[in-house]
Amino acid sequence: LTGMVLMAAPAGETDRRIVLLTKERGKITAFARGARRPNSPLVAATRAFAFGRVTLFEGRNSYTVSSMEISNYFEDISTDLESSCYAGYFSELTDYYAREGAEAGDMLKLLYASLVALQKGTIPKRLIRAVFELKLMQLNGEYSETPLSETDETTAYAWSFVLASRIEKLFSFTLKEEKIGNFARAVAELMDYYIDRSF
């Protein structure tokens, strides 16, 4: 499968339990045996945000990781506290929406593109967050074609751009700080309308 590690946690003395978002099968929980041993080839591969090809054995109740070929570890994000917080938030929100057994190619592509944008650092993080939130809600069918409240022209245009754009083109614009605030507030209002919890 092709996927990204959303979350990783210790399991037992030497194992690790990971939650993967996979293109082919949606959200999967798997166990990586011995992944916490220093000499294990799965030590780095089973940390959050690792992206690549994963080979799994399907058991009766869970999956077991056989091997992982990681093509992007997003190391720059892992070493920056603020970027790590944003990436962790993106993972948590994705985990909320993802379903086991459901194809998740676009969701995985959106998460990957958002982490790439975070890593590049050319677009303000608040804007990346608002774009990610709005596009993720659209992918899951819980969104509005326009902001719920009356807003300025720039916010309305940015909103339309995000909804109409392919994921590859999402992070090709930026806004002035004050306009980012307006756009982020409009997206937050939409999230409050559709989602009954905070992340």
Protein backbone atom coordinates (compact mmCIF):
# COMPACT_ATOMS: atom_id res chain seq x y z
CA LEU A 1 0.00 0.00 0.00
CA THR A 2 1.00 3.65 -0.40
CA GLY A 3 0.47 5.65 2.76
CA MET A 4 1.55 8.02 5.51
CA VAL A 5 1.91 7.44 9.23
CA LEU A 6 -0.66 9.64 10.99
CA MET A 7 0.16 8.54 14.53
CA ALA A 8 2.60 6.25 16.29
CA ALA A 9 2.57 4.95 19.86
CA PRO A 10 4.47 2.34 21.88
CA ALA A 11 2.91 -1.12 22.12
CA GLY A 12 4.36 -3.63 24.52
CA GLU A 13 8.09 -3.55 25.25
CA THR A 14 9.52 -3.28 21.73
CA ASP A 15 6.62 -2.86 19.30
CA ARG A 16 4.94 0.19 17.88
CA ARG A 17 1.27 0.70 16.98
CA ILE A 18 0.78 2.98 14.01
CA VAL A 19 -2.22 4.52 12.27
CA LEU A 20 -1.71 4.80 8.52
CA LEU A 21 -3.67 6.71 5.91
CA THR A 22 -3.42 4.59 2.77
CA LYS A 23 -4.44 5.41 -0.77
CA GLU A 24 -5.95 1.98 -1.39
CA ARG A 25 -7.65 1.08 1.92
CA GLY A 26 -8.14 4.32 3.82
CA LYS A 27 -7.24 4.36 7.50
CA ILE A 28 -5.44 1.29 8.86
CA THR A 29 -4.12 0.44 12.31
CA ALA A 30 -1.07 -1.80 12.21
CA PHE A 31 1.56 -3.20 14.57
CA ALA A 32 5.26 -2.99 13.77
CA ARG A 33 6.99 -5.77 15.67
CA GLY A 34 10.30 -4.77 17.24
CA ALA A 35 10.10 -1.24 15.78
CA ARG A 36 11.40 0.30 19.04
CA ARG A 37 14.60 -1.75 19.04
CA PRO A 38 17.55 0.51 18.10
CA ASN A 39 18.70 -1.75 15.25
CA SER A 40 15.25 -2.28 13.71
CA PRO A 41 14.82 -1.15 10.09
CA LEU A 42 11.37 0.13 11.16
CA VAL A 43 12.61 2.65 13.78
CA ALA A 44 12.50 5.71 11.49
CA ALA A 45 9.86 4.35 9.13
CA THR A 46 7.19 4.12 11.83
CA ARG A 47 7.38 7.70 13.08
CA ALA A 48 4.70 10.30 12.34
CA PHE A 49 4.58 11.83 8.84
CA ALA A 50 6.72 9.09 7.20
CA PHE A 51 5.39 8.56 3.67
CA GLY A 52 6.02 5.66 1.30
CA ARG A 53 5.20 2.08 0.39
CA VAL A 54 4.12 -0.27 3.17
CA THR A 55 3.86 -4.06 3.01
CA LEU A 56 1.41 -5.53 5.53
CA PHE A 57 0.11 -8.90 6.60
CA GLU A 58 -3.61 -8.88 7.22
CA GLY A 59 -4.57 -10.76 10.37
CA ARG A 60 -8.00 -11.53 11.75
CA ASN A 61 -8.17 -8.41 13.92
CA SER A 62 -5.24 -6.24 12.85
CA TYR A 63 -2.45 -5.67 10.35
CA THR A 64 1.23 -6.37 10.93
CA VAL A 65 3.93 -4.36 9.15
CA SER A 66 6.27 -6.51 7.11
CA SER A 67 8.40 -3.77 5.52
CA MET A 68 8.36 -0.07 4.70
CA GLU A 69 10.07 1.86 1.91
CA ILE A 70 9.93 5.52 2.92
CA SER A 71 10.29 8.17 0.21
CA ASN A 72 9.77 11.23 2.45
CA TYR A 73 10.32 11.52 6.21
CA PHE A 74 9.49 15.27 6.37
CA GLU A 75 12.51 15.75 8.63
CA ASP A 76 12.40 19.56 8.45
CA ILE A 77 8.90 19.48 9.95
CA SER A 78 9.93 17.08 12.71
CA THR A 79 12.76 19.38 13.82
CA ASP A 80 10.62 22.56 13.91
CA LEU A 81 8.24 22.78 16.87
CA GLU A 82 5.62 25.04 15.26
CA SER A 83 5.56 23.05 12.00
CA SER A 84 5.27 19.81 14.01
CA CYS A 85 2.23 21.21 15.81
CA TYR A 86 0.55 22.14 12.53
CA ALA A 87 1.40 18.75 10.97
CA GLY A 88 0.10 16.95 14.07
CA TYR A 89 -3.14 18.91 13.80
CA PHE A 90 -3.46 17.99 10.11
CA SER A 91 -2.93 14.32 11.01
CA GLU A 92 -5.53 14.45 13.78
CA LEU A 93 -8.14 16.09 11.56
CA THR A 94 -7.40 13.57 8.79
CA ASP A 95 -7.75 10.73 11.30
CA TYR A 96 -11.20 12.09 12.23
CA TYR A 97 -12.43 12.00 8.62
CA ALA A 98 -10.66 8.89 7.30
CA ARG A 99 -12.48 5.56 7.23
CA GLU A 100 -11.16 2.03 7.09
CA GLY A 101 -11.74 0.28 3.79
CA ALA A 102 -12.53 3.49 1.89
CA GLU A 103 -10.21 4.65 -0.88
CA ALA A 104 -8.42 7.79 0.30
CA GLY A 105 -6.20 8.89 -2.58
CA ASP A 106 -7.30 12.54 -2.59
CA MET A 107 -7.14 12.81 1.19
CA LEU A 108 -3.61 11.38 1.21
CA LYS A 109 -2.61 13.73 -1.63
CA LEU A 110 -4.00 16.73 0.31
CA LEU A 111 -2.15 15.79 3.49
CA TYR A 112 1.08 15.28 1.56
CA ALA A 113 0.74 18.61 -0.31
CA SER A 114 0.01 20.44 2.96
CA LEU A 115 3.13 19.02 4.61
CA VAL A 116 5.21 19.97 1.57
CA ALA A 117 3.85 23.53 1.83
CA LEU A 118 4.70 23.60 5.56
CA GLN A 119 8.20 22.35 4.83
CA LYS A 120 8.84 24.94 2.10
CA GLY A 121 7.85 27.81 4.38
CA THR A 122 6.93 30.22 1.58
CA ILE A 123 3.25 30.46 2.57
CA PRO A 124 2.11 31.51 6.08
CA LYS A 125 1.22 28.50 8.24
CA ARG A 126 -2.20 29.96 9.18
CA LEU A 127 -3.12 30.10 5.50
CA ILE A 128 -1.94 26.52 4.88
CA ARG A 129 -4.09 25.41 7.81
CA ALA A 130 -7.25 27.18 6.55
CA VAL A 131 -6.76 25.88 2.99
CA PHE A 132 -6.23 22.34 4.32
CA GLU A 133 -9.34 22.50 6.51
CA LEU A 134 -11.61 23.81 3.75
CA LYS A 135 -10.37 21.34 1.11
CA LEU A 136 -10.59 18.39 3.52
CA MET A 137 -14.18 19.30 4.36
CA GLN A 138 -14.98 19.55 0.65
CA LEU A 139 -13.46 16.10 0.00
CA ASN A 140 -15.77 14.72 2.68
CA GLY A 141 -18.88 16.49 1.36
CA GLU A 142 -19.38 18.72 4.42
CA TYR A 143 -18.90 22.25 3.16
CA SER A 144 -20.54 25.33 1.73
CA GLU A 145 -19.93 26.84 -1.73
CA THR A 146 -19.58 30.25 -0.08
CA PRO A 147 -18.67 31.40 3.46
CA LEU A 148 -21.55 31.09 5.92
CA SER A 149 -21.37 34.77 6.93
CA GLU A 150 -20.95 37.85 4.81
CA THR A 151 -17.28 38.51 4.22
CA ASP A 152 -14.87 40.55 2.09
CA GLU A 153 -14.17 40.00 -1.60
CA THR A 154 -10.70 38.55 -1.04
CA THR A 155 -12.02 35.86 1.31
CA ALA A 156 -14.82 34.98 -1.13
CA TYR A 157 -12.30 34.68 -3.97
CA ALA A 158 -9.87 32.56 -1.92
CA TRP A 159 -12.77 30.32 -0.88
CA SER A 160 -13.80 29.77 -4.52
CA PHE A 161 -10.19 29.18 -5.56
CA VAL A 162 -9.67 26.46 -2.93
CA LEU A 163 -12.90 24.66 -3.81
CA ALA A 164 -12.22 24.80 -7.58
CA SER A 165 -8.50 23.96 -7.53
CA ARG A 166 -6.84 20.61 -7.99
CA ILE A 167 -4.84 19.61 -4.93
CA GLU A 168 -1.54 20.12 -6.80
CA LYS A 169 -2.39 23.82 -7.32
CA LEU A 170 -3.86 24.57 -3.86
CA PHE A 171 -0.83 26.26 -2.35
CA SER A 172 0.00 28.53 -5.28
CA PHE A 173 -1.32 31.73 -3.70
CA THR A 174 -0.91 33.79 -0.57
CA LEU A 175 -2.78 36.60 1.17
CA LYS A 176 -1.86 39.59 3.31
CA GLU A 177 -1.91 38.90 7.05
CA GLU A 178 -5.18 40.70 7.72
CA LYS A 179 -6.89 38.84 4.83
CA ILE A 180 -5.55 35.50 6.12
CA GLY A 181 -7.31 36.27 9.41
CA ASN A 182 -10.62 36.88 7.63
CA PHE A 183 -10.31 33.71 5.55
CA ALA A 184 -9.27 31.60 8.57
CA ARG A 185 -12.24 32.89 10.59
CA ALA A 186 -14.65 32.02 7.77
CA VAL A 187 -13.25 28.48 7.57
CA ALA A 188 -13.36 28.13 11.39
CA GLU A 189 -17.05 29.09 11.31
CA LEU A 190 -17.70 26.34 8.76
CA MET A 191 -15.84 23.82 10.92
CA ASP A 192 -17.86 24.82 13.98
CA TYR A 193 -21.03 24.27 11.96
CA TYR A 194 -20.15 20.76 10.77
CA ILE A 195 -17.80 19.35 13.42
CA ASP A 196 -18.87 18.78 17.02
CA ARG A 197 -15.38 18.76 18.57
CA SER A 198 -12.08 20.62 18.59
CA PHE A 199 -8.68 19.22 17.69
